Amino acid sequence: METSDLKSPAAGGTAGAAGLAQEPARQAFLLLRTVFTVAPILFGLDKFFNLLTDWTIYLAPVATAIVPVSAQAFMYGVGAIEILAGLLVALRPRIGSLVVAAWLLGIIVNLLVLGSFYDVALRDFGLLVGALALNRLATAARK
């Protein structure tokens, strides 16, 4: 979806009250699209550098039992997927938002299996809801 799909009156969209009512939805869409593009890309990149944290502490041991690689190698894969997910949100927000929501659900499950970092799991649940809201806005704009 292009940003022009949610047109404002100033951009040649519908005039009057109906057009003005769409402006907050357009702004919400742009905010969510920006955040869900930038954040996964930045967090994905950091999986390669560990500047923000040691990401391996958030990984349940069962993950490396299923995929037999080191925790850091696993995080490299996670980082690559997060970067791709962020790019998908930028290019195709209706699809990318669902990919990010599913990814966040996976992170939440991993943290619950790990048995700690419940605060991070709760935060990621809020982000999951935000990704679903982005999906609804992107879907509504295509009608």
C-alpha atoms as a PDB file:
ATOM      1  CA  MET A   1       0.000   0.000   0.000  1.00  0.00           C
ATOM      2  CA  GLU A   2       1.269   3.410  -0.859  1.00  0.00           C
ATOM      3  CA  THR A   3       0.944   6.275   1.582  1.00  0.00           C
ATOM      4  CA  SER A   4      -1.211   7.947  -1.054  1.00  0.00           C
ATOM      5  CA  ASP A   5      -3.782   5.204  -0.416  1.00  0.00           C
ATOM      6  CA  LEU A   6      -4.704   7.048   2.776  1.00  0.00           C
ATOM      7  CA  LYS A   7      -5.079  10.486   1.205  1.00  0.00           C
ATOM      8  CA  SER A   8      -5.562  13.610   3.241  1.00  0.00           C
ATOM      9  CA  PRO A   9      -7.660  16.538   2.021  1.00  0.00           C
ATOM     10  CA  ALA A  10      -4.449  18.547   1.576  1.00  0.00           C
ATOM     11  CA  ALA A  11      -3.081  15.829  -0.708  1.00  0.00           C
ATOM     12  CA  GLY A  12      -6.135  15.869  -2.927  1.00  0.00           C
ATOM     13  CA  GLY A  13      -8.188  13.381  -0.943  1.00  0.00           C
ATOM     14  CA  THR A  14     -11.830  13.620   0.026  1.00  0.00           C
ATOM     15  CA  ALA A  15     -12.853  17.071   1.200  1.00  0.00           C
ATOM     16  CA  GLY A  16     -15.063  17.735   4.195  1.00  0.00           C
ATOM     17  CA  ALA A  17     -15.573  15.888   7.464  1.00  0.00           C
ATOM     18  CA  ALA A  18     -15.070  12.427   5.955  1.00  0.00           C
ATOM     19  CA  GLY A  19     -11.683  13.461   4.572  1.00  0.00           C
ATOM     20  CA  LEU A  20     -10.630  15.022   7.865  1.00  0.00           C
ATOM     21  CA  ALA A  21     -11.654  11.873   9.731  1.00  0.00           C
ATOM     22  CA  GLN A  22      -9.223   9.870   7.597  1.00  0.00           C
ATOM     23  CA  GLU A  23      -6.272  12.089   8.546  1.00  0.00           C
ATOM     24  CA  PRO A  24      -5.765  10.526  12.023  1.00  0.00           C
ATOM     25  CA  ALA A  25      -5.943   7.045  10.467  1.00  0.00           C
ATOM     26  CA  ARG A  26      -3.334   8.046   7.888  1.00  0.00           C
ATOM     27  CA  GLN A  27      -1.081   9.439  10.601  1.00  0.00           C
ATOM     28  CA  ALA A  28      -1.488   6.284  12.709  1.00  0.00           C
ATOM     29  CA  PHE A  29      -0.673   4.151   9.673  1.00  0.00           C
ATOM     30  CA  LEU A  30       2.480   6.155   8.916  1.00  0.00           C
ATOM     31  CA  LEU A  31       3.640   6.060  12.550  1.00  0.00           C
ATOM     32  CA  LEU A  32       3.132   2.316  12.858  1.00  0.00           C
ATOM     33  CA  ARG A  33       4.634   1.590   9.450  1.00  0.00           C
ATOM     34  CA  THR A  34       7.726   3.629  10.315  1.00  0.00           C
ATOM     35  CA  VAL A  35       8.211   1.990  13.725  1.00  0.00           C
ATOM     36  CA  PHE A  36       7.655  -1.528  12.413  1.00  0.00           C
ATOM     37  CA  THR A  37      10.108  -0.870   9.597  1.00  0.00           C
ATOM     38  CA  VAL A  38      12.888   0.779  11.591  1.00  0.00           C
ATOM     39  CA  ALA A  39      12.768  -1.244  14.830  1.00  0.00           C
ATOM     40  CA  PRO A  40      13.092  -4.732  13.305  1.00  0.00           C
ATOM     41  CA  ILE A  41      15.903  -3.551  11.036  1.00  0.00           C
ATOM     42  CA  LEU A  42      17.822  -1.955  13.916  1.00  0.00           C
ATOM     43  CA  PHE A  43      17.264  -4.868  16.290  1.00  0.00           C
ATOM     44  CA  GLY A  44      18.151  -7.276  13.487  1.00  0.00           C
ATOM     45  CA  LEU A  45      21.392  -5.467  12.785  1.00  0.00           C
ATOM     46  CA  ASP A  46      22.249  -5.479  16.481  1.00  0.00           C
ATOM     47  CA  LYS A  47      22.014  -9.274  16.546  1.00  0.00           C
ATOM     48  CA  PHE A  48      25.308  -9.163  14.612  1.00  0.00           C
ATOM     49  CA  PHE A  49      27.035  -6.644  16.907  1.00  0.00           C
ATOM     50  CA  ASN A  50      25.446  -7.070  20.368  1.00  0.00           C
ATOM     51  CA  LEU A  51      25.766  -3.364  21.156  1.00  0.00           C
ATOM     52  CA  LEU A  52      22.405  -3.103  22.924  1.00  0.00           C
ATOM     53  CA  THR A  53      22.662  -6.389  24.811  1.00  0.00           C
ATOM     54  CA  ASP A  54      23.881  -9.957  24.605  1.00  0.00           C
ATOM     55  CA  TRP A  55      20.893 -11.315  22.677  1.00  0.00           C
ATOM     56  CA  THR A  56      21.768 -14.931  23.409  1.00  0.00           C
ATOM     57  CA  ILE A  57      20.556 -14.582  27.020  1.00  0.00           C
ATOM     58  CA  TYR A  58      17.011 -14.284  25.658  1.00  0.00           C
ATOM     59  CA  LEU A  59      17.204 -17.577  23.769  1.00  0.00           C
ATOM     60  CA  ALA A  60      15.613 -20.675  25.298  1.00  0.00           C
ATOM     61  CA  PRO A  61      18.008 -23.653  25.172  1.00  0.00           C
ATOM     62  CA  VAL A  62      15.362 -25.699  23.372  1.00  0.00           C
ATOM     63  CA  ALA A  63      15.851 -23.455  20.309  1.00  0.00           C
ATOM     64  CA  THR A  64      19.429 -24.610  19.798  1.00  0.00           C
ATOM     65  CA  ALA A  65      18.377 -28.172  20.564  1.00  0.00           C
ATOM     66  CA  ILE A  66      15.934 -27.991  17.638  1.00  0.00           C
ATOM     67  CA  VAL A  67      18.321 -26.082  15.360  1.00  0.00           C
ATOM     68  CA  PRO A  68      21.763 -27.477  16.263  1.00  0.00           C
ATOM     69  CA  VAL A  69      23.891 -24.336  16.020  1.00  0.00           C
ATOM     70  CA  SER A  70      25.480 -22.091  18.603  1.00  0.00           C
ATOM     71  CA  ALA A  71      23.270 -19.508  20.285  1.00  0.00           C
ATOM     72  CA  GLN A  72      25.137 -16.705  18.495  1.00  0.00           C
ATOM     73  CA  ALA A  73      24.727 -18.378  15.098  1.00  0.00           C
ATOM     74  CA  PHE A  74      21.018 -18.740  15.875  1.00  0.00           C
ATOM     75  CA  MET A  75      20.908 -15.008  16.627  1.00  0.00           C
ATOM     76  CA  TYR A  76      22.543 -14.239  13.284  1.00  0.00           C
ATOM     77  CA  GLY A  77      19.626 -16.033  11.639  1.00  0.00           C
ATOM     78  CA  VAL A  78      17.171 -14.165  13.851  1.00  0.00           C
ATOM     79  CA  GLY A  79      18.820 -10.883  12.877  1.00  0.00           C
ATOM     80  CA  ALA A  80      18.585 -11.635   9.175  1.00  0.00           C
ATOM     81  CA  ILE A  81      14.902 -12.524   9.476  1.00  0.00           C
ATOM     82  CA  GLU A  82      14.192  -9.355  11.468  1.00  0.00           C
ATOM     83  CA  ILE A  83      15.886  -7.199   8.830  1.00  0.00           C
ATOM     84  CA  LEU A  84      13.840  -8.876   6.097  1.00  0.00           C
ATOM     85  CA  ALA A  85      10.640  -8.442   8.113  1.00  0.00           C
ATOM     86  CA  GLY A  86      11.312  -4.721   8.534  1.00  0.00           C
ATOM     87  CA  LEU A  87      11.918  -4.334   4.807  1.00  0.00           C
ATOM     88  CA  LEU A  88       8.702  -6.249   4.083  1.00  0.00           C
ATOM     89  CA  VAL A  89       6.753  -3.841   6.313  1.00  0.00           C
ATOM     90  CA  ALA A  90       8.245  -0.931   4.365  1.00  0.00           C
ATOM     91  CA  LEU A  91       7.332  -2.430   0.993  1.00  0.00           C
ATOM     92  CA  ARG A  92       4.156  -4.411   1.721  1.00  0.00           C
ATOM     93  CA  PRO A  93       2.808  -3.331   5.131  1.00  0.00           C
ATOM     94  CA  ARG A  94      -0.322  -5.471   4.937  1.00  0.00           C
ATOM     95  CA  ILE A  95       1.767  -8.653   4.637  1.00  0.00           C
ATOM     96  CA  GLY A  96       4.795  -7.439   6.589  1.00  0.00           C
ATOM     97  CA  SER A  97       2.705  -6.510   9.613  1.00  0.00           C
ATOM     98  CA  LEU A  98       1.432 -10.100   9.854  1.00  0.00           C
ATOM     99  CA  VAL A  99       4.979 -11.456   9.519  1.00  0.00           C
ATOM    100  CA  VAL A 100       6.133  -9.149  12.329  1.00  0.00           C
ATOM    101  CA  ALA A 101       3.130 -10.130  14.487  1.00  0.00           C
ATOM    102  CA  ALA A 102       3.900 -13.833  13.995  1.00  0.00           C
ATOM    103  CA  TRP A 103       7.577 -13.187  14.724  1.00  0.00           C
ATOM    104  CA  LEU A 104       6.680 -11.386  17.947  1.00  0.00           C
ATOM    105  CA  LEU A 105       4.448 -14.293  18.953  1.00  0.00           C
ATOM    106  CA  GLY A 106       7.435 -16.595  18.448  1.00  0.00           C
ATOM    107  CA  ILE A 107       9.572 -14.363  20.645  1.00  0.00           C
ATOM    108  CA  ILE A 108       6.890 -14.367  23.349  1.00  0.00           C
ATOM    109  CA  VAL A 109       6.648 -18.162  23.284  1.00  0.00           C
ATOM    110  CA  ASN A 110      10.458 -18.413  23.457  1.00  0.00           C
ATOM    111  CA  LEU A 111      10.539 -16.141  26.518  1.00  0.00           C
ATOM    112  CA  LEU A 112       7.754 -18.071  28.243  1.00  0.00           C
ATOM    113  CA  VAL A 113       9.598 -21.342  27.583  1.00  0.00           C
ATOM    114  CA  LEU A 114      12.781 -19.744  28.915  1.00  0.00           C
ATOM    115  CA  GLY A 115      10.887 -18.997  32.129  1.00  0.00           C
ATOM    116  CA  SER A 116      12.139 -15.462  32.583  1.00  0.00           C
ATOM    117  CA  PHE A 117      11.995 -12.005  31.042  1.00  0.00           C
ATOM    118  CA  TYR A 118       8.229 -11.881  31.479  1.00  0.00           C
ATOM    119  CA  ASP A 119       8.433  -8.086  31.300  1.00  0.00           C
ATOM    120  CA  VAL A 120       9.939  -8.336  27.813  1.00  0.00           C
ATOM    121  CA  ALA A 121       7.263 -10.871  26.812  1.00  0.00           C
ATOM    122  CA  LEU A 122       4.555  -8.440  27.955  1.00  0.00           C
ATOM    123  CA  ARG A 123       6.185  -5.594  26.032  1.00  0.00           C
ATOM    124  CA  ASP A 124       6.387  -7.772  22.939  1.00  0.00           C
ATOM    125  CA  PHE A 125       2.694  -8.604  23.329  1.00  0.00           C
ATOM    126  CA  GLY A 126       1.971  -4.869  23.147  1.00  0.00           C
ATOM    127  CA  LEU A 127       4.109  -4.661  20.009  1.00  0.00           C
ATOM    128  CA  LEU A 128       2.233  -7.640  18.540  1.00  0.00           C
ATOM    129  CA  VAL A 129      -1.048  -5.773  19.052  1.00  0.00           C
ATOM    130  CA  GLY A 130       0.499  -2.716  17.372  1.00  0.00           C
ATOM    131  CA  ALA A 131       1.555  -4.841  14.388  1.00  0.00           C
ATOM    132  CA  LEU A 132      -1.999  -6.162  14.097  1.00  0.00           C
ATOM    133  CA  ALA A 133      -3.315  -2.586  14.242  1.00  0.00           C
ATOM    134  CA  LEU A 134      -0.975  -1.697  11.370  1.00  0.00           C
ATOM    135  CA  ASN A 135      -2.394  -4.636   9.436  1.00  0.00           C
ATOM    136  CA  ARG A 136      -5.949  -3.423   9.978  1.00  0.00           C
ATOM    137  CA  LEU A 137      -5.076   0.113   8.837  1.00  0.00           C
ATOM    138  CA  ALA A 138      -3.237  -1.202   5.777  1.00  0.00           C
ATOM    139  CA  THR A 139      -6.148  -3.501   4.941  1.00  0.00           C
ATOM    140  CA  ALA A 140      -8.771  -0.782   5.381  1.00  0.00           C
ATOM    141  CA  ALA A 141      -6.878   1.567   3.088  1.00  0.00           C
ATOM    142  CA  ARG A 142      -6.989  -0.981   0.256  1.00  0.00           C
ATOM    143  CA  LYS A 143     -10.806  -1.061   0.160  1.00  0.00           C
END
